[in-house]
Amino acid sequence: MVASNGDISSFLKSHGLTGTAIRKQVLSHLWGDGVALTQKEIEEKLPPATDRVTLYRTLRLFTEKGVVHKIVLDGETQKFKIAGRFRKSDHAHFYCTKCHKLLCMPQLDVDLTDLPEGFQFSSARLVVEGICDACSGKK
């Protein structure tokens, strides 16, 4: 689903953010594509004159404000996805190793009730890797 400029402005406002040009462009691509993208993939979709540092700061701000979640794959690759109703990234994701789509899987619990005494939870990331239904031909 591609969001209109008004939808994007309202979405940003609901997160306490103003709708600068770069913020609207980044959100438009994340929203429009409906898939998680790396910073490089987002950068390639933006106008050539876009400042890389501004993009980095925008993604960091979006992550802090719960606009997007950052999902770390293979220990270093970071992908960004519209948070939608899942404001935090403390839920599981499924990464298709064939088409490289990343899907939210909130139905898979990240159970942190059995942490050792004295341990304090701050965040959890679980990425399940495999082949999605579309790639396996079961859709």
C-alpha atoms as a PDB file:
ATOM      1  CA  MET A   1       0.000   0.000   0.000  1.00  0.00           C
ATOM      2  CA  VAL A   2       1.429   3.359  -1.024  1.00  0.00           C
ATOM      3  CA  ALA A   3       0.619   6.138   1.410  1.00  0.00           C
ATOM      4  CA  SER A   4      -0.306   9.639   0.366  1.00  0.00           C
ATOM      5  CA  ASN A   5       1.744  12.626   1.456  1.00  0.00           C
ATOM      6  CA  GLY A   6      -1.047  13.517   3.907  1.00  0.00           C
ATOM      7  CA  ASP A   7      -1.038  10.012   5.395  1.00  0.00           C
ATOM      8  CA  ILE A   8       2.723  10.188   5.853  1.00  0.00           C
ATOM      9  CA  SER A   9       2.538  13.638   7.476  1.00  0.00           C
ATOM     10  CA  SER A  10      -0.184  12.415   9.867  1.00  0.00           C
ATOM     11  CA  PHE A  11       1.805   9.277  10.656  1.00  0.00           C
ATOM     12  CA  LEU A  12       4.904  11.342  11.481  1.00  0.00           C
ATOM     13  CA  LYS A  13       2.853  13.760  13.580  1.00  0.00           C
ATOM     14  CA  SER A  14       1.365  10.847  15.547  1.00  0.00           C
ATOM     15  CA  HIS A  15       4.946   9.977  16.530  1.00  0.00           C
ATOM     16  CA  GLY A  16       5.751  13.571  17.533  1.00  0.00           C
ATOM     17  CA  LEU A  17       7.803  14.284  14.397  1.00  0.00           C
ATOM     18  CA  THR A  18       7.609  16.993  11.768  1.00  0.00           C
ATOM     19  CA  GLY A  19       7.342  16.028   8.125  1.00  0.00           C
ATOM     20  CA  THR A  20      10.653  17.072   6.590  1.00  0.00           C
ATOM     21  CA  ALA A  21      11.308  16.165   2.962  1.00  0.00           C
ATOM     22  CA  ILE A  22      13.814  13.398   3.794  1.00  0.00           C
ATOM     23  CA  ARG A  23      11.531  11.870   6.439  1.00  0.00           C
ATOM     24  CA  LYS A  24       8.613  11.785   4.020  1.00  0.00           C
ATOM     25  CA  GLN A  25      10.747  10.276   1.256  1.00  0.00           C
ATOM     26  CA  VAL A  26      12.177   7.558   3.500  1.00  0.00           C
ATOM     27  CA  LEU A  27       8.744   6.667   4.883  1.00  0.00           C
ATOM     28  CA  SER A  28       7.234   6.668   1.422  1.00  0.00           C
ATOM     29  CA  HIS A  29       9.725   4.039   0.257  1.00  0.00           C
ATOM     30  CA  LEU A  30       9.412   1.881   3.363  1.00  0.00           C
ATOM     31  CA  TRP A  31       5.625   2.114   3.310  1.00  0.00           C
ATOM     32  CA  GLY A  32       5.288   1.721  -0.429  1.00  0.00           C
ATOM     33  CA  ASP A  33       7.557  -1.283  -0.782  1.00  0.00           C
ATOM     34  CA  GLY A  34       6.113  -2.983   2.291  1.00  0.00           C
ATOM     35  CA  VAL A  35       9.392  -4.792   2.876  1.00  0.00           C
ATOM     36  CA  ALA A  36      12.359  -4.207   5.118  1.00  0.00           C
ATOM     37  CA  LEU A  37      15.196  -2.329   3.441  1.00  0.00           C
ATOM     38  CA  THR A  38      18.835  -1.703   4.297  1.00  0.00           C
ATOM     39  CA  GLN A  39      20.134   1.854   4.550  1.00  0.00           C
ATOM     40  CA  LYS A  40      21.885   1.331   1.214  1.00  0.00           C
ATOM     41  CA  GLU A  41      18.660   0.142  -0.449  1.00  0.00           C
ATOM     42  CA  ILE A  42      16.828   3.197   0.878  1.00  0.00           C
ATOM     43  CA  GLU A  43      19.662   5.469  -0.238  1.00  0.00           C
ATOM     44  CA  GLU A  44      19.475   4.060  -3.781  1.00  0.00           C
ATOM     45  CA  LYS A  45      15.777   5.018  -3.962  1.00  0.00           C
ATOM     46  CA  LEU A  46      16.367   8.618  -2.851  1.00  0.00           C
ATOM     47  CA  PRO A  47      17.509  11.527  -5.043  1.00  0.00           C
ATOM     48  CA  PRO A  48      21.289  11.453  -5.712  1.00  0.00           C
ATOM     49  CA  ALA A  49      21.892  14.654  -3.729  1.00  0.00           C
ATOM     50  CA  THR A  50      20.569  13.099  -0.494  1.00  0.00           C
ATOM     51  CA  ASP A  51      23.101  13.384   2.313  1.00  0.00           C
ATOM     52  CA  ARG A  52      24.083   9.983   3.716  1.00  0.00           C
ATOM     53  CA  VAL A  53      24.523  11.345   7.254  1.00  0.00           C
ATOM     54  CA  THR A  54      21.026  12.879   7.172  1.00  0.00           C
ATOM     55  CA  LEU A  55      19.633   9.509   6.103  1.00  0.00           C
ATOM     56  CA  TYR A  56      21.524   7.785   8.939  1.00  0.00           C
ATOM     57  CA  ARG A  57      20.170  10.286  11.480  1.00  0.00           C
ATOM     58  CA  THR A  58      16.645   9.949  10.094  1.00  0.00           C
ATOM     59  CA  LEU A  59      16.726   6.151  10.441  1.00  0.00           C
ATOM     60  CA  ARG A  60      18.167   6.423  13.951  1.00  0.00           C
ATOM     61  CA  LEU A  61      15.422   8.897  14.947  1.00  0.00           C
ATOM     62  CA  PHE A  62      12.727   6.711  13.374  1.00  0.00           C
ATOM     63  CA  THR A  63      14.033   3.734  15.351  1.00  0.00           C
ATOM     64  CA  GLU A  64      14.107   5.695  18.626  1.00  0.00           C
ATOM     65  CA  LYS A  65      10.558   7.014  18.091  1.00  0.00           C
ATOM     66  CA  GLY A  66       9.110   3.618  17.149  1.00  0.00           C
ATOM     67  CA  VAL A  67       8.347   4.619  13.557  1.00  0.00           C
ATOM     68  CA  VAL A  68      10.456   1.749  12.213  1.00  0.00           C
ATOM     69  CA  HIS A  69      12.145  -1.207  13.710  1.00  0.00           C
ATOM     70  CA  LYS A  70      15.689  -2.130  12.987  1.00  0.00           C
ATOM     71  CA  ILE A  71      16.293  -5.813  12.451  1.00  0.00           C
ATOM     72  CA  VAL A  72      19.857  -7.111  12.524  1.00  0.00           C
ATOM     73  CA  LEU A  73      20.562 -10.069  10.255  1.00  0.00           C
ATOM     74  CA  ASP A  74      23.720 -12.182  10.225  1.00  0.00           C
ATOM     75  CA  GLY A  75      25.186 -10.089  13.033  1.00  0.00           C
ATOM     76  CA  GLU A  76      25.752  -6.988  10.911  1.00  0.00           C
ATOM     77  CA  THR A  77      23.220  -6.366   8.121  1.00  0.00           C
ATOM     78  CA  GLN A  78      20.573  -3.949   9.374  1.00  0.00           C
ATOM     79  CA  LYS A  79      17.157  -3.705   7.773  1.00  0.00           C
ATOM     80  CA  PHE A  80      14.446  -1.186   8.560  1.00  0.00           C
ATOM     81  CA  LYS A  81      10.708  -1.841   8.421  1.00  0.00           C
ATOM     82  CA  ILE A  82       7.674   0.282   9.236  1.00  0.00           C
ATOM     83  CA  ALA A  83       6.757  -0.587  12.820  1.00  0.00           C
ATOM     84  CA  GLY A  84       3.009  -0.362  12.262  1.00  0.00           C
ATOM     85  CA  ARG A  85       1.140  -1.786  15.199  1.00  0.00           C
ATOM     86  CA  PHE A  86       4.286  -3.509  16.511  1.00  0.00           C
ATOM     87  CA  ARG A  87       6.019  -0.458  17.955  1.00  0.00           C
ATOM     88  CA  LYS A  88       9.010  -2.345  19.311  1.00  0.00           C
ATOM     89  CA  SER A  89      11.263  -4.851  17.646  1.00  0.00           C
ATOM     90  CA  ASP A  90      10.915  -7.246  20.606  1.00  0.00           C
ATOM     91  CA  HIS A  91       9.111  -9.828  18.505  1.00  0.00           C
ATOM     92  CA  ALA A  92      10.261 -12.477  16.079  1.00  0.00           C
ATOM     93  CA  HIS A  93      10.866 -11.950  12.369  1.00  0.00           C
ATOM     94  CA  PHE A  94      11.047 -14.445   9.512  1.00  0.00           C
ATOM     95  CA  TYR A  95      13.747 -13.874   6.885  1.00  0.00           C
ATOM     96  CA  CYS A  96      13.341 -15.694   3.570  1.00  0.00           C
ATOM     97  CA  THR A  97      16.783 -16.733   2.363  1.00  0.00           C
ATOM     98  CA  LYS A  98      15.493 -16.997  -1.198  1.00  0.00           C
ATOM     99  CA  CYS A  99      13.604 -13.721  -1.861  1.00  0.00           C
ATOM    100  CA  HIS A 100      15.126 -11.826   1.121  1.00  0.00           C
ATOM    101  CA  LYS A 101      11.765 -10.639   2.458  1.00  0.00           C
ATOM    102  CA  LEU A 102      11.542  -9.987   6.167  1.00  0.00           C
ATOM    103  CA  LEU A 103       8.188 -10.546   7.856  1.00  0.00           C
ATOM    104  CA  CYS A 104       6.987  -9.715  11.370  1.00  0.00           C
ATOM    105  CA  MET A 105       6.001 -12.827  13.299  1.00  0.00           C
ATOM    106  CA  PRO A 106       4.427 -11.515  16.525  1.00  0.00           C
ATOM    107  CA  GLN A 107       2.673 -14.848  17.010  1.00  0.00           C
ATOM    108  CA  LEU A 108       6.068 -16.376  17.907  1.00  0.00           C
ATOM    109  CA  ASP A 109       6.686 -15.506  21.536  1.00  0.00           C
ATOM    110  CA  VAL A 110      10.030 -14.208  22.698  1.00  0.00           C
ATOM    111  CA  ASP A 111       9.773 -15.607  26.232  1.00  0.00           C
ATOM    112  CA  LEU A 112      11.960 -13.772  28.700  1.00  0.00           C
ATOM    113  CA  THR A 113      10.305 -14.959  31.893  1.00  0.00           C
ATOM    114  CA  ASP A 114      13.128 -17.356  32.770  1.00  0.00           C
ATOM    115  CA  LEU A 115      16.009 -14.893  32.897  1.00  0.00           C
ATOM    116  CA  PRO A 116      18.446 -15.665  35.712  1.00  0.00           C
ATOM    117  CA  GLU A 117      17.965 -13.727  38.934  1.00  0.00           C
ATOM    118  CA  GLY A 118      19.462 -10.261  38.736  1.00  0.00           C
ATOM    119  CA  PHE A 119      19.344 -10.079  34.942  1.00  0.00           C
ATOM    120  CA  GLN A 120      17.367  -7.185  33.476  1.00  0.00           C
ATOM    121  CA  PHE A 121      15.782  -7.301  30.040  1.00  0.00           C
ATOM    122  CA  SER A 122      16.367  -4.380  27.649  1.00  0.00           C
ATOM    123  CA  SER A 123      15.593  -5.825  24.206  1.00  0.00           C
ATOM    124  CA  ALA A 124      15.354  -9.081  22.290  1.00  0.00           C
ATOM    125  CA  ARG A 125      15.840  -9.964  18.647  1.00  0.00           C
ATOM    126  CA  LEU A 126      14.838 -13.238  17.076  1.00  0.00           C
ATOM    127  CA  VAL A 127      15.162 -13.845  13.349  1.00  0.00           C
ATOM    128  CA  VAL A 128      13.955 -17.171  12.000  1.00  0.00           C
ATOM    129  CA  GLU A 129      15.533 -17.984   8.629  1.00  0.00           C
ATOM    130  CA  GLY A 130      14.067 -20.227   5.966  1.00  0.00           C
ATOM    131  CA  ILE A 131      11.978 -20.148   2.798  1.00  0.00           C
ATOM    132  CA  CYS A 132       8.629 -18.321   2.729  1.00  0.00           C
ATOM    133  CA  ASP A 133       5.414 -19.831   1.392  1.00  0.00           C
ATOM    134  CA  ALA A 134       5.616 -17.882  -1.887  1.00  0.00           C
ATOM    135  CA  CYS A 135       9.125 -19.170  -2.625  1.00  0.00           C
ATOM    136  CA  SER A 136       8.333 -22.736  -1.582  1.00  0.00           C
ATOM    137  CA  GLY A 137       5.361 -22.799  -3.951  1.00  0.00           C
ATOM    138  CA  LYS A 138       2.819 -23.348  -1.173  1.00  0.00           C
ATOM    139  CA  LYS A 139       0.951 -20.106  -1.669  1.00  0.00           C
END
